[in-house]
C-alpha atoms as a PDB file:
ATOM      1  CA  MET A   1      59.827  98.737  16.700  1.00  0.00           C
ATOM      2  CA  TYR A   2      58.753 102.034  15.859  1.00  0.00           C
ATOM      3  CA  LEU A   3      58.074 102.820  12.068  1.00  0.00           C
ATOM      4  CA  PRO A   4      59.563 106.354   9.883  1.00  0.00           C
ATOM      5  CA  ILE A   5      55.900 107.798   9.006  1.00  0.00           C
ATOM      6  CA  GLY A   6      57.774 110.716   7.909  1.00  0.00           C
ATOM      7  CA  SER A   7      59.446 114.462   8.953  1.00  0.00           C
ATOM      8  CA  ASP A   8      61.445 112.998  11.449  1.00  0.00           C
ATOM      9  CA  MET A   9      57.893 111.269  13.134  1.00  0.00           C
ATOM     10  CA  SER A  10      57.926 106.861  13.700  1.00  0.00           C
ATOM     11  CA  LEU A  11      54.908 105.310  15.714  1.00  0.00           C
ATOM     12  CA  ARG A  12      54.898 102.524  17.130  1.00  0.00           C
ATOM     13  CA  ASP A  13      54.104  99.281  14.875  1.00  0.00           C
ATOM     14  CA  SER A  14      52.308  97.412  17.684  1.00  0.00           C
ATOM     15  CA  SER A  15      49.430 100.720  17.239  1.00  0.00           C
ATOM     16  CA  ILE A  16      49.092 100.390  13.799  1.00  0.00           C
ATOM     17  CA  ILE A  17      45.271  99.066  12.938  1.00  0.00           C
ATOM     18  CA  GLY A  18      45.399  99.933   9.216  1.00  0.00           C
ATOM     19  CA  ILE A  19      47.266 102.049   6.609  1.00  0.00           C
ATOM     20  CA  PHE A  20      44.558 103.829   4.129  1.00  0.00           C
ATOM     21  CA  ASP A  21      44.999 105.186   0.631  1.00  0.00           C
ATOM     22  CA  LEU A  22      43.544 108.962   0.880  1.00  0.00           C
ATOM     23  CA  ASP A  23      42.618 109.067  -3.335  1.00  0.00           C
ATOM     24  CA  ASN A  24      40.565 105.985  -2.736  1.00  0.00           C
ATOM     25  CA  THR A  25      39.536 105.890   0.296  1.00  0.00           C
ATOM     26  CA  THR A  26      38.095 109.308   0.349  1.00  0.00           C
ATOM     27  CA  SER A  27      35.433 108.501  -2.865  1.00  0.00           C
ATOM     28  CA  SER A  28      33.085 106.926   0.821  1.00  0.00           C
ATOM     29  CA  LYS A  29      30.968 109.386   2.177  1.00  0.00           C
ATOM     30  CA  ASP A  30      31.659 107.448   5.192  1.00  0.00           C
ATOM     31  CA  THR A  31      35.134 108.166   5.329  1.00  0.00           C
ATOM     32  CA  ARG A  32      35.272 111.330   4.618  1.00  0.00           C
ATOM     33  CA  ALA A  33      32.903 111.510   7.639  1.00  0.00           C
ATOM     34  CA  PHE A  34      35.199 109.211   9.804  1.00  0.00           C
ATOM     35  CA  LEU A  35      38.168 111.764   9.085  1.00  0.00           C
ATOM     36  CA  LYS A  36      36.205 115.070   9.304  1.00  0.00           C
ATOM     37  CA  GLN A  37      35.217 113.953  13.060  1.00  0.00           C
ATOM     38  CA  ALA A  38      38.665 113.152  13.846  1.00  0.00           C
ATOM     39  CA  GLU A  39      40.131 116.795  12.874  1.00  0.00           C
ATOM     40  CA  ASP A  40      37.235 118.444  14.790  1.00  0.00           C
ATOM     41  CA  GLY A  41      38.148 116.267  17.720  1.00  0.00           C
ATOM     42  CA  GLY A  42      41.881 117.040  17.558  1.00  0.00           C
ATOM     43  CA  GLN A  43      42.856 113.399  16.751  1.00  0.00           C
ATOM     44  CA  VAL A  44      44.702 114.585  13.236  1.00  0.00           C
ATOM     45  CA  VAL A  45      48.447 114.681  13.248  1.00  0.00           C
ATOM     46  CA  THR A  46      49.931 116.133  10.078  1.00  0.00           C
ATOM     47  CA  VAL A  47      53.131 114.600   8.782  1.00  0.00           C
ATOM     48  CA  THR A  48      53.702 116.564   6.090  1.00  0.00           C
ATOM     49  CA  ASP A  49      53.677 120.246   4.243  1.00  0.00           C
ATOM     50  CA  GLU A  50      53.366 118.352   1.578  1.00  0.00           C
ATOM     51  CA  LEU A  51      49.951 117.477  -0.131  1.00  0.00           C
ATOM     52  CA  PRO A  52      49.010 113.687   2.226  1.00  0.00           C
ATOM     53  CA  LYS A  53      48.655 110.548  -0.219  1.00  0.00           C
ATOM     54  CA  ALA A  54      47.949 108.515   2.692  1.00  0.00           C
ATOM     55  CA  PHE A  55      46.722 108.291   6.550  1.00  0.00           C
ATOM     56  CA  ILE A  56      47.572 105.583   9.651  1.00  0.00           C
ATOM     57  CA  LEU A  57      45.014 105.049  11.681  1.00  0.00           C
ATOM     58  CA  THR A  58      46.921 104.072  15.658  1.00  0.00           C
ATOM     59  CA  ARG A  59      45.668 103.629  18.862  1.00  0.00           C
ATOM     60  CA  GLU A  60      47.556 103.574  21.473  1.00  0.00           C
ATOM     61  CA  PHE A  61      46.323 103.825  25.062  1.00  0.00           C
ATOM     62  CA  THR A  62      42.685 103.550  24.302  1.00  0.00           C
ATOM     63  CA  MET A  63      43.178 106.958  22.516  1.00  0.00           C
ATOM     64  CA  ASP A  64      42.607 106.937  18.105  1.00  0.00           C
ATOM     65  CA  ARG A  65      44.965 108.756  16.418  1.00  0.00           C
ATOM     66  CA  VAL A  66      44.702 109.650  12.477  1.00  0.00           C
ATOM     67  CA  TYR A  67      48.050 110.539  11.045  1.00  0.00           C
ATOM     68  CA  LEU A  68      48.300 112.234   7.590  1.00  0.00           C
ATOM     69  CA  THR A  69      51.701 111.204   5.529  1.00  0.00           C
ATOM     70  CA  GLN A  70      52.812 112.094   2.306  1.00  0.00           C
ATOM     71  CA  PHE A  71      54.100 108.571   1.860  1.00  0.00           C
ATOM     72  CA  SER A  72      52.090 106.351  -0.319  1.00  0.00           C
ATOM     73  CA  THR A  73      50.340 102.800   1.353  1.00  0.00           C
ATOM     74  CA  ALA A  74      53.259 100.427  -0.271  1.00  0.00           C
ATOM     75  CA  THR A  75      55.962 102.894   0.865  1.00  0.00           C
ATOM     76  CA  VAL A  76      54.325 102.761   4.239  1.00  0.00           C
ATOM     77  CA  ALA A  77      53.648  98.794   3.848  1.00  0.00           C
ATOM     78  CA  ALA A  78      57.025  98.000   2.857  1.00  0.00           C
ATOM     79  CA  ARG A  79      58.302 100.049   5.961  1.00  0.00           C
ATOM     80  CA  CYS A  80      55.904  98.012   8.356  1.00  0.00           C
ATOM     81  CA  GLU A  81      57.438  94.702   6.650  1.00  0.00           C
ATOM     82  CA  ALA A  82      60.515  95.739   6.665  1.00  0.00           C
ATOM     83  CA  ALA A  83      59.764  96.508  10.681  1.00  0.00           C
ATOM     84  CA  GLY A  84      58.084  92.750  11.398  1.00  0.00           C
ATOM     85  CA  GLN A  85      54.692  93.864  11.181  1.00  0.00           C
ATOM     86  CA  LYS A  86      52.200  92.777   8.951  1.00  0.00           C
ATOM     87  CA  PRO A  87      50.822  95.558   7.522  1.00  0.00           C
ATOM     88  CA  THR A  88      46.714  96.159   6.736  1.00  0.00           C
ATOM     89  CA  LYS A  89      45.968  98.053   4.026  1.00  0.00           C
END
């Protein structure tokens, strides 16, 4: 199944590792360092022109990718549940 994450983009629900709130997680220096490293490595995909509220970490074909979305973690989690996938927050 595929999960819509905004701007006509969808992810395979089985590739999702976690859904994280940007306001809560970026207070940690480790998370900020992880996101900076992902951005420097070209692994960040921005799915919105709006201020992102959450990021979704995926692994597909042994490649990690971070998607920034305008949807809240609650919205993404509800979409996961509707697709039959248990979300990880």
